[in-house]
Amino acid sequence: MTDCLRERLPLHTFHITDDPETFIGYLGEFAGDILAVSLDHDLHERPDQSTTLTGMQVVDHLVTIPPAFPVLMHTSNRHDGETMRSRLVESGWRVRWVIPFDGTTWVATDWYRALKRATRATDARRSPA
């Protein structure tokens, strides 16, 4: 994902973390500057192989604040992903869900297209009529 972001969005900065608390702290400081958030449920690829840290912790926080940017979910965990999606949508967040496939091929294809659609929709909402 980092390579795709650098290649396709060279004028933007991005923050990547596999720690929900780190992201929540970042969000508290920079929420107004966030273009979009990409969120996975399962964070088991962390070096510590933690199964207690999940994207649901970020959702738990997001549903307590006003929606401010689109959320792109990228999880193949259908059950927990659907719970995340429904909680966010019920709280007014705009959500697009991308199912990962073929290693990281999905990042440059499906995920990037979802990001473009989400940010275009955000731009259209912000533009005066």
N, C-alpha and C. Protein backbone atom coordinates (compact mmCIF):
# COMPACT_ATOMS: atom_id res chain seq x y z
N MET A 1 0.83 -1.20 0.00
CA MET A 1 0.00 0.00 0.00
C MET A 1 0.86 1.25 0.00
N THR A 2 1.96 1.22 0.74
CA THR A 2 2.83 2.38 0.80
C THR A 2 3.37 2.74 -0.59
N ASP A 3 3.81 1.75 -1.35
CA ASP A 3 4.32 2.01 -2.69
C ASP A 3 3.24 2.60 -3.59
N CYS A 4 2.05 2.07 -3.51
CA CYS A 4 0.94 2.59 -4.32
C CYS A 4 0.64 4.04 -3.96
N LEU A 5 0.60 4.34 -2.69
CA LEU A 5 0.33 5.71 -2.26
C LEU A 5 1.41 6.66 -2.76
N ARG A 6 2.65 6.27 -2.60
CA ARG A 6 3.75 7.14 -3.05
C ARG A 6 3.71 7.37 -4.56
N GLU A 7 3.39 6.32 -5.30
CA GLU A 7 3.37 6.42 -6.76
C GLU A 7 2.18 7.24 -7.26
N ARG A 8 1.02 6.99 -6.70
CA ARG A 8 -0.20 7.60 -7.25
C ARG A 8 -0.63 8.88 -6.56
N LEU A 9 -0.13 9.14 -5.38
CA LEU A 9 -0.51 10.35 -4.64
C LEU A 9 0.74 11.07 -4.14
N PRO A 10 1.63 11.44 -5.04
CA PRO A 10 2.92 12.00 -4.61
C PRO A 10 2.81 13.34 -3.89
N LEU A 11 1.73 14.05 -4.06
CA LEU A 11 1.58 15.36 -3.42
C LEU A 11 0.93 15.28 -2.04
N HIS A 12 0.54 14.07 -1.65
CA HIS A 12 -0.11 13.89 -0.35
C HIS A 12 0.85 13.22 0.63
N THR A 13 0.66 13.51 1.90
CA THR A 13 1.38 12.76 2.93
C THR A 13 0.41 11.72 3.47
N PHE A 14 0.94 10.67 4.04
CA PHE A 14 0.08 9.63 4.59
C PHE A 14 0.70 9.08 5.86
N HIS A 15 -0.15 8.52 6.66
CA HIS A 15 0.25 7.97 7.95
C HIS A 15 -0.24 6.53 7.99
N ILE A 16 0.65 5.59 8.19
CA ILE A 16 0.28 4.18 8.24
C ILE A 16 0.68 3.64 9.60
N THR A 17 -0.26 2.96 10.23
CA THR A 17 0.03 2.34 11.52
C THR A 17 -0.80 1.08 11.66
N ASP A 18 -0.28 0.12 12.39
CA ASP A 18 -1.05 -1.08 12.71
C ASP A 18 -1.49 -1.05 14.17
N ASP A 19 -1.42 0.12 14.78
CA ASP A 19 -1.81 0.27 16.18
C ASP A 19 -3.01 1.21 16.29
N PRO A 20 -4.17 0.69 16.68
CA PRO A 20 -5.36 1.53 16.77
C PRO A 20 -5.19 2.76 17.65
N GLU A 21 -4.51 2.64 18.77
CA GLU A 21 -4.34 3.79 19.67
C GLU A 21 -3.48 4.87 19.03
N THR A 22 -2.47 4.47 18.27
CA THR A 22 -1.64 5.44 17.56
C THR A 22 -2.50 6.22 16.57
N PHE A 23 -3.35 5.50 15.82
CA PHE A 23 -4.21 6.17 14.85
C PHE A 23 -5.18 7.11 15.56
N ILE A 24 -5.79 6.67 16.63
CA ILE A 24 -6.76 7.51 17.35
C ILE A 24 -6.08 8.78 17.85
N GLY A 25 -4.85 8.67 18.33
CA GLY A 25 -4.10 9.85 18.74
C GLY A 25 -3.82 10.78 17.57
N TYR A 26 -3.45 10.21 16.43
CA TYR A 26 -3.21 10.99 15.22
C TYR A 26 -4.50 11.68 14.79
N LEU A 27 -5.58 10.97 14.83
CA LEU A 27 -6.88 11.52 14.45
C LEU A 27 -7.25 12.72 15.32
N GLY A 28 -6.98 12.63 16.60
CA GLY A 28 -7.27 13.73 17.50
C GLY A 28 -6.54 15.00 17.14
N GLU A 29 -5.36 14.85 16.57
CA GLU A 29 -4.55 16.01 16.23
C GLU A 29 -4.78 16.50 14.80
N PHE A 30 -5.09 15.59 13.88
CA PHE A 30 -5.12 15.95 12.46
C PHE A 30 -6.43 15.65 11.74
N ALA A 31 -7.51 15.45 12.44
CA ALA A 31 -8.78 15.05 11.82
C ALA A 31 -9.19 15.95 10.66
N GLY A 32 -8.98 17.24 10.78
CA GLY A 32 -9.37 18.17 9.73
C GLY A 32 -8.54 18.07 8.47
N ASP A 33 -7.41 17.40 8.54
CA ASP A 33 -6.52 17.28 7.39
C ASP A 33 -6.63 15.93 6.68
N ILE A 34 -7.46 15.04 7.17
CA ILE A 34 -7.53 13.68 6.64
C ILE A 34 -8.42 13.64 5.40
N LEU A 35 -7.87 13.12 4.31
CA LEU A 35 -8.60 12.96 3.06
C LEU A 35 -9.48 11.71 3.12
N ALA A 36 -8.94 10.61 3.63
CA ALA A 36 -9.65 9.34 3.75
C ALA A 36 -8.86 8.46 4.71
N VAL A 37 -9.55 7.44 5.24
CA VAL A 37 -8.91 6.45 6.11
C VAL A 37 -9.13 5.08 5.50
N SER A 38 -8.08 4.29 5.47
CA SER A 38 -8.18 2.91 5.02
C SER A 38 -8.00 2.03 6.24
N LEU A 39 -8.94 1.14 6.44
CA LEU A 39 -9.03 0.43 7.72
C LEU A 39 -9.21 -1.07 7.51
N ASP A 40 -8.38 -1.85 8.14
CA ASP A 40 -8.49 -3.31 8.13
C ASP A 40 -9.04 -3.75 9.48
N HIS A 41 -9.69 -4.89 9.52
CA HIS A 41 -10.12 -5.42 10.81
C HIS A 41 -8.98 -6.20 11.45
N ASP A 42 -8.44 -7.15 10.72
CA ASP A 42 -7.45 -8.05 11.29
C ASP A 42 -6.05 -7.44 11.17
N LEU A 43 -5.42 -7.27 12.30
CA LEU A 43 -4.07 -6.69 12.33
C LEU A 43 -3.05 -7.74 12.77
N HIS A 44 -3.30 -8.98 12.37
CA HIS A 44 -2.48 -10.09 12.84
C HIS A 44 -1.11 -10.15 12.19
N GLU A 45 -0.86 -9.31 11.21
CA GLU A 45 0.46 -9.30 10.58
C GLU A 45 1.45 -8.43 11.34
N ARG A 46 1.01 -7.89 12.48
CA ARG A 46 1.92 -7.12 13.32
C ARG A 46 3.06 -8.03 13.78
N PRO A 47 4.20 -7.46 14.08
CA PRO A 47 5.32 -8.28 14.56
C PRO A 47 4.98 -9.10 15.82
N ASP A 48 4.07 -8.56 16.65
CA ASP A 48 3.72 -9.29 17.87
C ASP A 48 2.59 -10.28 17.66
N GLN A 49 2.09 -10.39 16.42
CA GLN A 49 1.00 -11.31 16.08
C GLN A 49 -0.24 -11.13 16.96
N SER A 50 -0.47 -9.92 17.42
CA SER A 50 -1.60 -9.63 18.30
C SER A 50 -2.93 -9.96 17.63
N THR A 51 -3.80 -10.61 18.37
CA THR A 51 -5.16 -10.84 17.88
C THR A 51 -6.14 -9.99 18.68
N THR A 52 -5.64 -9.20 19.63
CA THR A 52 -6.54 -8.35 20.41
C THR A 52 -6.65 -6.95 19.82
N LEU A 53 -5.66 -6.54 19.04
CA LEU A 53 -5.72 -5.24 18.39
C LEU A 53 -6.37 -5.40 17.03
N THR A 54 -7.48 -4.71 16.81
CA THR A 54 -8.20 -4.83 15.54
C THR A 54 -8.68 -3.46 15.09
N GLY A 55 -9.10 -3.40 13.84
CA GLY A 55 -9.67 -2.18 13.31
C GLY A 55 -10.97 -1.81 14.00
N MET A 56 -11.61 -2.75 14.67
CA MET A 56 -12.85 -2.45 15.39
C MET A 56 -12.61 -1.40 16.47
N GLN A 57 -11.41 -1.36 17.02
CA GLN A 57 -11.10 -0.34 18.03
C GLN A 57 -11.15 1.05 17.41
N VAL A 58 -10.75 1.18 16.17
CA VAL A 58 -10.85 2.46 15.47
C VAL A 58 -12.32 2.79 15.23
N VAL A 59 -13.09 1.80 14.81
CA VAL A 59 -14.53 2.01 14.61
C VAL A 59 -15.18 2.45 15.91
N ASP A 60 -14.82 1.81 17.02
CA ASP A 60 -15.38 2.20 18.31
C ASP A 60 -15.17 3.69 18.56
N HIS A 61 -14.05 4.22 18.14
CA HIS A 61 -13.79 5.65 18.31
C HIS A 61 -14.53 6.48 17.27
N LEU A 62 -14.47 6.07 16.01
CA LEU A 62 -15.09 6.87 14.94
C LEU A 62 -16.58 7.08 15.18
N VAL A 63 -17.26 6.08 15.70
CA VAL A 63 -18.72 6.24 15.89
C VAL A 63 -19.06 7.24 17.00
N THR A 64 -18.04 7.71 17.72
CA THR A 64 -18.30 8.70 18.78
C THR A 64 -18.05 10.13 18.32
N ILE A 65 -17.57 10.29 17.08
CA ILE A 65 -17.27 11.63 16.57
C ILE A 65 -18.04 11.88 15.28
N PRO A 66 -18.22 13.14 14.90
CA PRO A 66 -18.94 13.43 13.65
C PRO A 66 -18.16 12.93 12.44
N PRO A 67 -18.85 12.36 11.46
CA PRO A 67 -18.17 11.91 10.23
C PRO A 67 -17.46 13.07 9.55
N ALA A 68 -16.21 12.85 9.15
CA ALA A 68 -15.42 13.94 8.59
C ALA A 68 -14.70 13.56 7.30
N PHE A 69 -14.62 12.28 6.97
CA PHE A 69 -13.89 11.81 5.79
C PHE A 69 -14.40 10.41 5.47
N PRO A 70 -14.19 9.95 4.24
CA PRO A 70 -14.62 8.60 3.89
C PRO A 70 -13.71 7.54 4.53
N VAL A 71 -14.29 6.38 4.77
CA VAL A 71 -13.54 5.25 5.32
C VAL A 71 -13.53 4.15 4.26
N LEU A 72 -12.35 3.70 3.90
CA LEU A 72 -12.20 2.56 3.00
C LEU A 72 -11.82 1.37 3.86
N MET A 73 -12.67 0.39 3.87
CA MET A 73 -12.35 -0.84 4.61
C MET A 73 -11.68 -1.80 3.64
N HIS A 74 -10.63 -2.45 4.09
CA HIS A 74 -9.98 -3.48 3.28
C HIS A 74 -9.77 -4.70 4.16
N THR A 75 -10.80 -5.49 4.26
CA THR A 75 -10.72 -6.70 5.08
C THR A 75 -11.42 -7.84 4.37
N SER A 76 -10.88 -9.03 4.51
CA SER A 76 -11.54 -10.22 3.99
C SER A 76 -12.31 -10.93 5.10
N ASN A 77 -12.29 -10.37 6.30
CA ASN A 77 -13.03 -10.91 7.43
C ASN A 77 -14.48 -10.45 7.29
N ARG A 78 -15.29 -11.24 6.63
CA ARG A 78 -16.66 -10.85 6.28
C ARG A 78 -17.52 -10.55 7.51
N HIS A 79 -17.46 -11.39 8.50
CA HIS A 79 -18.32 -11.21 9.68
C HIS A 79 -18.00 -9.92 10.41
N ASP A 80 -16.75 -9.77 10.81
CA ASP A 80 -16.37 -8.57 11.55
C ASP A 80 -16.36 -7.33 10.66
N GLY A 81 -16.04 -7.52 9.38
CA GLY A 81 -16.09 -6.42 8.44
C GLY A 81 -17.50 -5.87 8.31
N GLU A 82 -18.48 -6.75 8.24
CA GLU A 82 -19.87 -6.30 8.14
C GLU A 82 -20.29 -5.55 9.40
N THR A 83 -19.83 -6.01 10.55
CA THR A 83 -20.13 -5.30 11.80
C THR A 83 -19.51 -3.90 11.77
N MET A 84 -18.27 -3.81 11.34
CA MET A 84 -17.60 -2.51 11.24
C MET A 84 -18.37 -1.60 10.29
N ARG A 85 -18.67 -2.12 9.10
CA ARG A 85 -19.36 -1.32 8.08
C ARG A 85 -20.70 -0.83 8.59
N SER A 86 -21.50 -1.70 9.16
CA SER A 86 -22.84 -1.30 9.59
C SER A 86 -22.78 -0.28 10.73
N ARG A 87 -21.84 -0.43 11.65
CA ARG A 87 -21.72 0.54 12.74
C ARG A 87 -21.33 1.92 12.20
N LEU A 88 -20.40 1.94 11.26
CA LEU A 88 -19.98 3.21 10.69
C LEU A 88 -21.11 3.87 9.90
N VAL A 89 -21.78 3.10 9.06
CA VAL A 89 -22.88 3.65 8.25
C VAL A 89 -24.00 4.17 9.15
N GLU A 90 -24.34 3.42 10.18
CA GLU A 90 -25.38 3.87 11.12
C GLU A 90 -25.01 5.18 11.80
N SER A 91 -23.73 5.45 11.92
CA SER A 91 -23.26 6.69 12.55
C SER A 91 -23.03 7.80 11.53
N GLY A 92 -23.37 7.55 10.27
CA GLY A 92 -23.28 8.59 9.26
C GLY A 92 -22.00 8.61 8.44
N TRP A 93 -21.09 7.68 8.68
CA TRP A 93 -19.84 7.65 7.92
C TRP A 93 -20.08 7.07 6.54
N ARG A 94 -19.36 7.59 5.54
CA ARG A 94 -19.39 7.04 4.19
C ARG A 94 -18.32 5.95 4.13
N VAL A 95 -18.74 4.76 3.73
CA VAL A 95 -17.85 3.60 3.77
C VAL A 95 -17.82 2.92 2.41
N ARG A 96 -16.63 2.56 1.97
CA ARG A 96 -16.45 1.72 0.79
C ARG A 96 -15.62 0.52 1.25
N TRP A 97 -16.03 -0.66 0.82
CA TRP A 97 -15.39 -1.89 1.26
C TRP A 97 -14.71 -2.55 0.08
N VAL A 98 -13.42 -2.81 0.22
CA VAL A 98 -12.63 -3.49 -0.80
C VAL A 98 -12.16 -4.82 -0.21
N ILE A 99 -12.38 -5.89 -0.96
CA ILE A 99 -11.93 -7.22 -0.51
C ILE A 99 -10.53 -7.47 -1.08
N PRO A 100 -9.54 -7.68 -0.22
CA PRO A 100 -8.19 -7.96 -0.70
C PRO A 100 -8.13 -9.27 -1.50
N PHE A 101 -7.26 -9.30 -2.52
CA PHE A 101 -7.06 -10.50 -3.31
C PHE A 101 -5.66 -10.49 -3.92
N ASP A 102 -5.18 -11.64 -4.28
CA ASP A 102 -3.95 -11.80 -5.04
C ASP A 102 -2.79 -10.99 -4.46
N GLY A 103 -2.42 -11.31 -3.24
CA GLY A 103 -1.32 -10.58 -2.59
C GLY A 103 -1.70 -9.14 -2.35
N THR A 104 -1.01 -8.24 -3.04
CA THR A 104 -1.34 -6.81 -2.90
C THR A 104 -1.87 -6.21 -4.20
N THR A 105 -2.21 -7.05 -5.18
CA THR A 105 -2.73 -6.57 -6.46
C THR A 105 -3.94 -5.66 -6.25
N TRP A 106 -4.77 -5.97 -5.30
CA TRP A 106 -6.00 -5.22 -5.03
C TRP A 106 -5.74 -3.76 -4.67
N VAL A 107 -4.57 -3.45 -4.14
CA VAL A 107 -4.28 -2.07 -3.72
C VAL A 107 -4.26 -1.15 -4.93
N ALA A 108 -3.56 -1.53 -5.97
CA ALA A 108 -3.43 -0.68 -7.16
C ALA A 108 -4.67 -0.71 -8.04
N THR A 109 -5.54 -1.68 -7.83
CA THR A 109 -6.74 -1.77 -8.67
C THR A 109 -7.97 -1.35 -7.87
N ASP A 110 -8.58 -2.28 -7.19
CA ASP A 110 -9.86 -2.03 -6.51
C ASP A 110 -9.77 -0.96 -5.42
N TRP A 111 -8.73 -1.02 -4.60
CA TRP A 111 -8.62 -0.05 -3.50
C TRP A 111 -8.41 1.35 -4.04
N TYR A 112 -7.52 1.50 -5.02
CA TYR A 112 -7.25 2.83 -5.56
C TYR A 112 -8.49 3.41 -6.24
N ARG A 113 -9.23 2.58 -6.97
CA ARG A 113 -10.48 3.06 -7.58
C ARG A 113 -11.48 3.49 -6.51
N ALA A 114 -11.57 2.73 -5.43
CA ALA A 114 -12.48 3.10 -4.34
C ALA A 114 -12.05 4.41 -3.69
N LEU A 115 -10.76 4.62 -3.54
CA LEU A 115 -10.26 5.87 -2.99
C LEU A 115 -10.64 7.04 -3.89
N LYS A 116 -10.44 6.89 -5.19
CA LYS A 116 -10.79 7.97 -6.12
C LYS A 116 -12.28 8.29 -6.05
N ARG A 117 -13.13 7.25 -6.04
CA ARG A 117 -14.58 7.49 -5.96
C ARG A 117 -14.94 8.18 -4.65
N ALA A 118 -14.35 7.73 -3.56
CA ALA A 118 -14.66 8.31 -2.25
C ALA A 118 -14.24 9.77 -2.16
N THR A 119 -13.07 10.07 -2.68
CA THR A 119 -12.60 11.46 -2.58
C THR A 119 -13.35 12.36 -3.55
N ARG A 120 -13.75 11.84 -4.71
CA ARG A 120 -14.57 12.64 -5.62
C ARG A 120 -15.91 12.96 -4.98
N ALA A 121 -16.50 11.98 -4.32
CA ALA A 121 -17.78 12.21 -3.64
C ALA A 121 -17.62 13.24 -2.54
N THR A 122 -16.51 13.20 -1.82
CA THR A 122 -16.24 14.18 -0.77
C THR A 122 -16.08 15.56 -1.37
N ASP A 123 -15.33 15.67 -2.46
CA ASP A 123 -15.15 16.96 -3.13
C ASP A 123 -16.48 17.52 -3.61
N ALA A 124 -17.33 16.67 -4.16
CA ALA A 124 -18.65 17.12 -4.64
C ALA A 124 -19.50 17.65 -3.50
N ARG A 125 -19.41 17.03 -2.33
CA ARG A 125 -20.18 17.50 -1.17
C ARG A 125 -19.67 18.85 -0.67
N ARG A 126 -18.36 19.08 -0.79
CA ARG A 126 -17.76 20.31 -0.28
C ARG A 126 -17.92 21.49 -1.25
N SER A 127 -18.11 21.19 -2.53
CA SER A 127 -18.21 22.26 -3.54
C SER A 127 -19.55 22.97 -3.42
N PRO A 128 -19.54 24.31 -3.53
CA PRO A 128 -20.81 25.03 -3.48
C PRO A 128 -21.64 24.71 -4.71
N ALA A 129 -22.95 24.71 -4.55
CA ALA A 129 -23.85 24.35 -5.65
C ALA A 129 -23.94 25.44 -6.69
